[in-house]
C-alpha atoms as a PDB file:
ATOM      1  CA  MET A   1      71.158  28.234 251.271  1.00  0.00           C
ATOM      2  CA  GLY A   2      68.213  26.866 249.310  1.00  0.00           C
ATOM      3  CA  SER A   3      68.056  26.706 245.534  1.00  0.00           C
ATOM      4  CA  CYS A   4      66.239  30.078 245.298  1.00  0.00           C
ATOM      5  CA  GLY A   5      68.879  31.740 247.482  1.00  0.00           C
ATOM      6  CA  SER A   6      71.619  30.103 245.445  1.00  0.00           C
ATOM      7  CA  LEU A   7      70.129  31.400 242.181  1.00  0.00           C
ATOM      8  CA  PHE A   8      69.840  34.908 243.636  1.00  0.00           C
ATOM      9  CA  TYR A   9      73.480  34.773 244.780  1.00  0.00           C
ATOM     10  CA  LYS A  10      74.682  33.626 241.336  1.00  0.00           C
ATOM     11  CA  LYS A  11      72.693  36.385 239.633  1.00  0.00           C
ATOM     12  CA  GLU A  12      74.121  38.992 242.059  1.00  0.00           C
ATOM     13  CA  VAL A  13      77.661  37.732 241.397  1.00  0.00           C
ATOM     14  CA  ILE A  14      77.154  37.959 237.627  1.00  0.00           C
ATOM     15  CA  ILE A  15      75.861  41.536 237.989  1.00  0.00           C
ATOM     16  CA  ILE A  16      78.903  42.527 240.077  1.00  0.00           C
ATOM     17  CA  ILE A  17      81.339  40.937 237.612  1.00  0.00           C
ATOM     18  CA  GLU A  18      79.646  42.570 234.599  1.00  0.00           C
ATOM     19  CA  LYS A  19      79.568  45.978 236.311  1.00  0.00           C
ATOM     20  CA  TYR A  20      83.215  45.664 237.322  1.00  0.00           C
ATOM     21  CA  TYR A  21      84.432  44.886 233.784  1.00  0.00           C
ATOM     22  CA  LYS A  22      82.202  47.608 232.314  1.00  0.00           C
ATOM     23  CA  TYR A  23      83.948  50.227 234.471  1.00  0.00           C
ATOM     24  CA  LYS A  24      87.373  48.572 234.178  1.00  0.00           C
ATOM     25  CA  SER A  25      87.308  49.070 230.406  1.00  0.00           C
ATOM     26  CA  ASP A  26      87.193  52.866 230.973  1.00  0.00           C
ATOM     27  CA  TYR A  27      89.293  52.982 234.169  1.00  0.00           C
ATOM     28  CA  LYS A  28      92.084  50.467 233.568  1.00  0.00           C
ATOM     29  CA  ASP A  29      94.525  51.988 236.057  1.00  0.00           C
ATOM     30  CA  TYR A  30      92.000  52.482 238.855  1.00  0.00           C
ATOM     31  CA  VAL A  31      90.975  50.253 241.737  1.00  0.00           C
ATOM     32  CA  ILE A  32      87.241  49.761 241.306  1.00  0.00           C
ATOM     33  CA  PHE A  33      84.891  49.204 244.248  1.00  0.00           C
ATOM     34  CA  ILE A  34      81.426  47.868 243.436  1.00  0.00           C
ATOM     35  CA  LYS A  35      78.729  48.181 246.124  1.00  0.00           C
ATOM     36  CA  SER A  36      76.893  44.928 246.796  1.00  0.00           C
ATOM     37  CA  GLY A  37      74.392  45.099 249.631  1.00  0.00           C
ATOM     38  CA  ASN A  38      76.311  46.116 252.760  1.00  0.00           C
ATOM     39  CA  PHE A  39      79.712  45.437 251.194  1.00  0.00           C
ATOM     40  CA  TYR A  40      82.103  46.810 248.627  1.00  0.00           C
ATOM     41  CA  GLU A  41      83.736  44.277 246.326  1.00  0.00           C
ATOM     42  CA  CYS A  42      86.979  44.454 244.328  1.00  0.00           C
ATOM     43  CA  LEU A  43      87.783  41.898 241.674  1.00  0.00           C
ATOM     44  CA  SER A  44      90.745  40.531 239.780  1.00  0.00           C
ATOM     45  CA  ASN A  45      93.989  42.519 240.089  1.00  0.00           C
ATOM     46  CA  ASP A  46      92.256  45.161 242.199  1.00  0.00           C
ATOM     47  CA  ALA A  47      91.487  42.453 244.772  1.00  0.00           C
ATOM     48  CA  LEU A  48      95.171  41.579 244.956  1.00  0.00           C
ATOM     49  CA  ILE A  49      96.158  45.216 245.406  1.00  0.00           C
ATOM     50  CA  ILE A  50      93.677  45.619 248.275  1.00  0.00           C
ATOM     51  CA  ASN A  51      94.891  42.335 249.758  1.00  0.00           C
ATOM     52  CA  ASN A  52      98.469  43.596 249.612  1.00  0.00           C
ATOM     53  CA  LEU A  53      97.659  46.940 251.231  1.00  0.00           C
ATOM     54  CA  LEU A  54      95.138  45.811 253.855  1.00  0.00           C
ATOM     55  CA  ASN A  55      95.604  42.046 254.113  1.00  0.00           C
ATOM     56  CA  TYR A  56      91.905  41.465 253.352  1.00  0.00           C
ATOM     57  CA  LYS A  57      91.176  37.866 252.453  1.00  0.00           C
ATOM     58  CA  VAL A  58      91.089  37.004 248.744  1.00  0.00           C
ATOM     59  CA  LYS A  59      88.299  34.656 247.690  1.00  0.00           C
ATOM     60  CA  ARG A  60      87.533  33.029 244.379  1.00  0.00           C
ATOM     61  CA  ILE A  61      84.358  33.288 242.313  1.00  0.00           C
ATOM     62  CA  GLY A  62      84.996  30.760 239.563  1.00  0.00           C
ATOM     63  CA  ASN A  63      88.147  32.094 237.874  1.00  0.00           C
ATOM     64  CA  THR A  64      87.778  35.589 239.339  1.00  0.00           C
ATOM     65  CA  LEU A  65      89.519  36.777 242.496  1.00  0.00           C
ATOM     66  CA  LYS A  66      87.472  38.884 244.927  1.00  0.00           C
ATOM     67  CA  VAL A  67      87.963  40.934 248.080  1.00  0.00           C
ATOM     68  CA  GLY A  68      85.000  42.301 249.991  1.00  0.00           C
ATOM     69  CA  PHE A  69      84.628  44.513 253.035  1.00  0.00           C
ATOM     70  CA  PRO A  70      81.791  46.298 254.900  1.00  0.00           C
ATOM     71  CA  ILE A  71      80.675  49.613 253.419  1.00  0.00           C
ATOM     72  CA  ASN A  72      81.599  51.487 256.612  1.00  0.00           C
ATOM     73  CA  ASN A  73      85.303  50.675 255.910  1.00  0.00           C
ATOM     74  CA  ILE A  74      85.365  52.503 252.565  1.00  0.00           C
ATOM     75  CA  SER A  75      86.894  55.713 253.955  1.00  0.00           C
ATOM     76  CA  VAL A  76      89.788  53.784 255.542  1.00  0.00           C
ATOM     77  CA  VAL A  77      90.419  51.898 252.297  1.00  0.00           C
ATOM     78  CA  THR A  78      90.202  54.948 250.027  1.00  0.00           C
ATOM     79  CA  SER A  79      92.404  57.016 252.368  1.00  0.00           C
ATOM     80  CA  LEU A  80      95.067  54.348 252.104  1.00  0.00           C
ATOM     81  CA  LEU A  81      94.820  54.427 248.305  1.00  0.00           C
ATOM     82  CA  VAL A  82      95.155  58.222 248.294  1.00  0.00           C
ATOM     83  CA  ASN A  83      98.212  57.977 250.587  1.00  0.00           C
ATOM     84  CA  ASN A  84      99.754  55.486 248.152  1.00  0.00           C
ATOM     85  CA  ASN A  85      98.822  57.556 245.062  1.00  0.00           C
ATOM     86  CA  ILE A  86      96.503  54.916 243.640  1.00  0.00           C
ATOM     87  CA  SER A  87      93.492  56.101 241.662  1.00  0.00           C
ATOM     88  CA  TYR A  88      90.090  54.578 242.428  1.00  0.00           C
ATOM     89  CA  ILE A  89      86.385  54.797 241.736  1.00  0.00           C
ATOM     90  CA  VAL A  90      83.523  53.785 243.999  1.00  0.00           C
ATOM     91  CA  VAL A  91      80.408  52.520 242.222  1.00  0.00           C
ATOM     92  CA  ASP A  92      76.889  52.091 243.562  1.00  0.00           C
ATOM     93  CA  LYS A  93      74.429  52.422 240.701  1.00  0.00           C
ATOM     94  CA  ASP A  94      76.822  54.909 239.095  1.00  0.00           C
ATOM     95  CA  ILE A  95      80.177  56.348 240.112  1.00  0.00           C
ATOM     96  CA  ILE A  96      79.697  58.008 243.506  1.00  0.00           C
ATOM     97  CA  ASP A  97      83.341  58.782 244.326  1.00  0.00           C
ATOM     98  CA  LYS A  98      86.464  59.135 242.215  1.00  0.00           C
ATOM     99  CA  TYR A  99      90.095  59.895 242.958  1.00  0.00           C
ATOM    100  CA  ASN A 100      92.568  60.469 240.143  1.00  0.00           C
ATOM    101  CA  SER A 101      96.161  60.571 241.347  1.00  0.00           C
ATOM    102  CA  ASN A 102      98.514  62.648 239.193  1.00  0.00           C
ATOM    103  CA  SER A 103     101.276  60.130 239.875  1.00  0.00           C
ATOM    104  CA  ASN A 104      99.092  57.013 239.830  1.00  0.00           C
ATOM    105  CA  ASN A 105     100.985  54.041 241.323  1.00  0.00           C
ATOM    106  CA  TYR A 106      98.381  51.484 240.249  1.00  0.00           C
ATOM    107  CA  ASN A 107     100.713  49.782 237.788  1.00  0.00           C
ATOM    108  CA  CYS A 108     103.539  49.532 240.355  1.00  0.00           C
ATOM    109  CA  TYR A 109     101.234  47.637 242.702  1.00  0.00           C
ATOM    110  CA  TYR A 110      99.717  45.690 239.819  1.00  0.00           C
ATOM    111  CA  TYR A 111     103.075  44.319 238.664  1.00  0.00           C
ATOM    112  CA  ASP A 112     103.951  43.285 242.218  1.00  0.00           C
ATOM    113  CA  MET A 113     100.588  41.543 242.474  1.00  0.00           C
ATOM    114  CA  GLU A 114     101.069  39.845 239.120  1.00  0.00           C
ATOM    115  CA  LYS A 115     103.925  37.864 240.682  1.00  0.00           C
ATOM    116  CA  ILE A 116     101.691  36.884 243.588  1.00  0.00           C
ATOM    117  CA  LEU A 117      98.885  35.914 241.191  1.00  0.00           C
ATOM    118  CA  PHE A 118     101.318  33.651 239.348  1.00  0.00           C
ATOM    119  CA  ASN A 119     102.043  31.922 242.672  1.00  0.00           C
ATOM    120  CA  TYR A 120      98.304  31.549 243.398  1.00  0.00           C
ATOM    121  CA  ILE A 121      97.915  29.819 240.045  1.00  0.00           C
ATOM    122  CA  ARG A 122     100.844  27.527 240.783  1.00  0.00           C
ATOM    123  CA  ILE A 123      99.410  26.641 244.195  1.00  0.00           C
ATOM    124  CA  ASP A 124      96.008  25.886 242.626  1.00  0.00           C
ATOM    125  CA  LYS A 125      97.650  23.524 240.141  1.00  0.00           C
ATOM    126  CA  ILE A 126      99.515  21.757 242.944  1.00  0.00           C
ATOM    127  CA  ILE A 127      96.314  21.361 244.966  1.00  0.00           C
ATOM    128  CA  LYS A 128      94.454  19.937 241.965  1.00  0.00           C
ATOM    129  CA  TYR A 129      97.344  17.555 241.277  1.00  0.00           C
ATOM    130  CA  LEU A 130      97.347  16.368 244.899  1.00  0.00           C
ATOM    131  CA  GLU A 131      93.573  15.912 244.939  1.00  0.00           C
ATOM    132  CA  TYR A 132      93.690  13.942 241.692  1.00  0.00           C
ATOM    133  CA  ASN A 133      96.537  11.709 242.886  1.00  0.00           C
ATOM    134  CA  VAL A 134      95.443  11.269 246.510  1.00  0.00           C
ATOM    135  CA  LEU A 135      95.108   7.490 246.114  1.00  0.00           C
ATOM    136  CA  SER A 136      98.289   6.941 244.123  1.00  0.00           C
ATOM    137  CA  ASN A 137     101.134   4.830 245.517  1.00  0.00           C
ATOM    138  CA  ASN A 138     103.668   7.646 245.475  1.00  0.00           C
ATOM    139  CA  MET A 139     101.425  10.109 247.401  1.00  0.00           C
ATOM    140  CA  ASN A 140     103.295   9.439 250.659  1.00  0.00           C
ATOM    141  CA  ASP A 141     106.578  10.323 248.948  1.00  0.00           C
ATOM    142  CA  ILE A 142     105.087  13.547 247.614  1.00  0.00           C
ATOM    143  CA  LEU A 143     103.616  14.514 250.997  1.00  0.00           C
ATOM    144  CA  ASN A 144     106.878  13.680 252.788  1.00  0.00           C
ATOM    145  CA  ARG A 145     108.750  15.951 250.391  1.00  0.00           C
ATOM    146  CA  ILE A 146     106.241  18.759 250.988  1.00  0.00           C
ATOM    147  CA  ASP A 147     106.672  18.261 254.765  1.00  0.00           C
ATOM    148  CA  GLU A 148     110.452  18.560 254.376  1.00  0.00           C
ATOM    149  CA  ILE A 149     110.081  21.806 252.436  1.00  0.00           C
ATOM    150  CA  LEU A 150     107.648  23.254 254.975  1.00  0.00           C
ATOM    151  CA  LYS A 151     109.885  22.344 257.901  1.00  0.00           C
ATOM    152  CA  SER A 152     112.773  24.201 256.298  1.00  0.00           C
ATOM    153  CA  TYR A 153     110.700  27.425 256.428  1.00  0.00           C
ATOM    154  CA  VAL A 154     109.693  27.152 260.084  1.00  0.00           C
END
């Protein structure tokens, strides 16, 4: 991607993040889907909830977590949220779809995901530590210990 494409992408990402937090301030207990081109994007805790329910891959945009999926999958995703009593809104330029569950389970899923998010943060810190210390003398000891731990889970 050239520098012009890169600038466009960064601007698009900023717009998505700003739009997400604008709606999140009014719809705290809702999963928010923001349309971006041919995809819908979920950010932050909403991304973790969608990851938990559908196993969609979580990516990182700076410090923000993101899940995206093609727009033609929106009915599958929203049906699953309805079946799990999770409120949501779908945003294009404005809200185009909204579901408000009377017994909204958003917070139940959110608290489960908070534990997972804590583990993501821990893993990130470990990766940064390993990258920083890759040339240190005790790196082999550290990697051997990690290998032992991983073998115990297989």
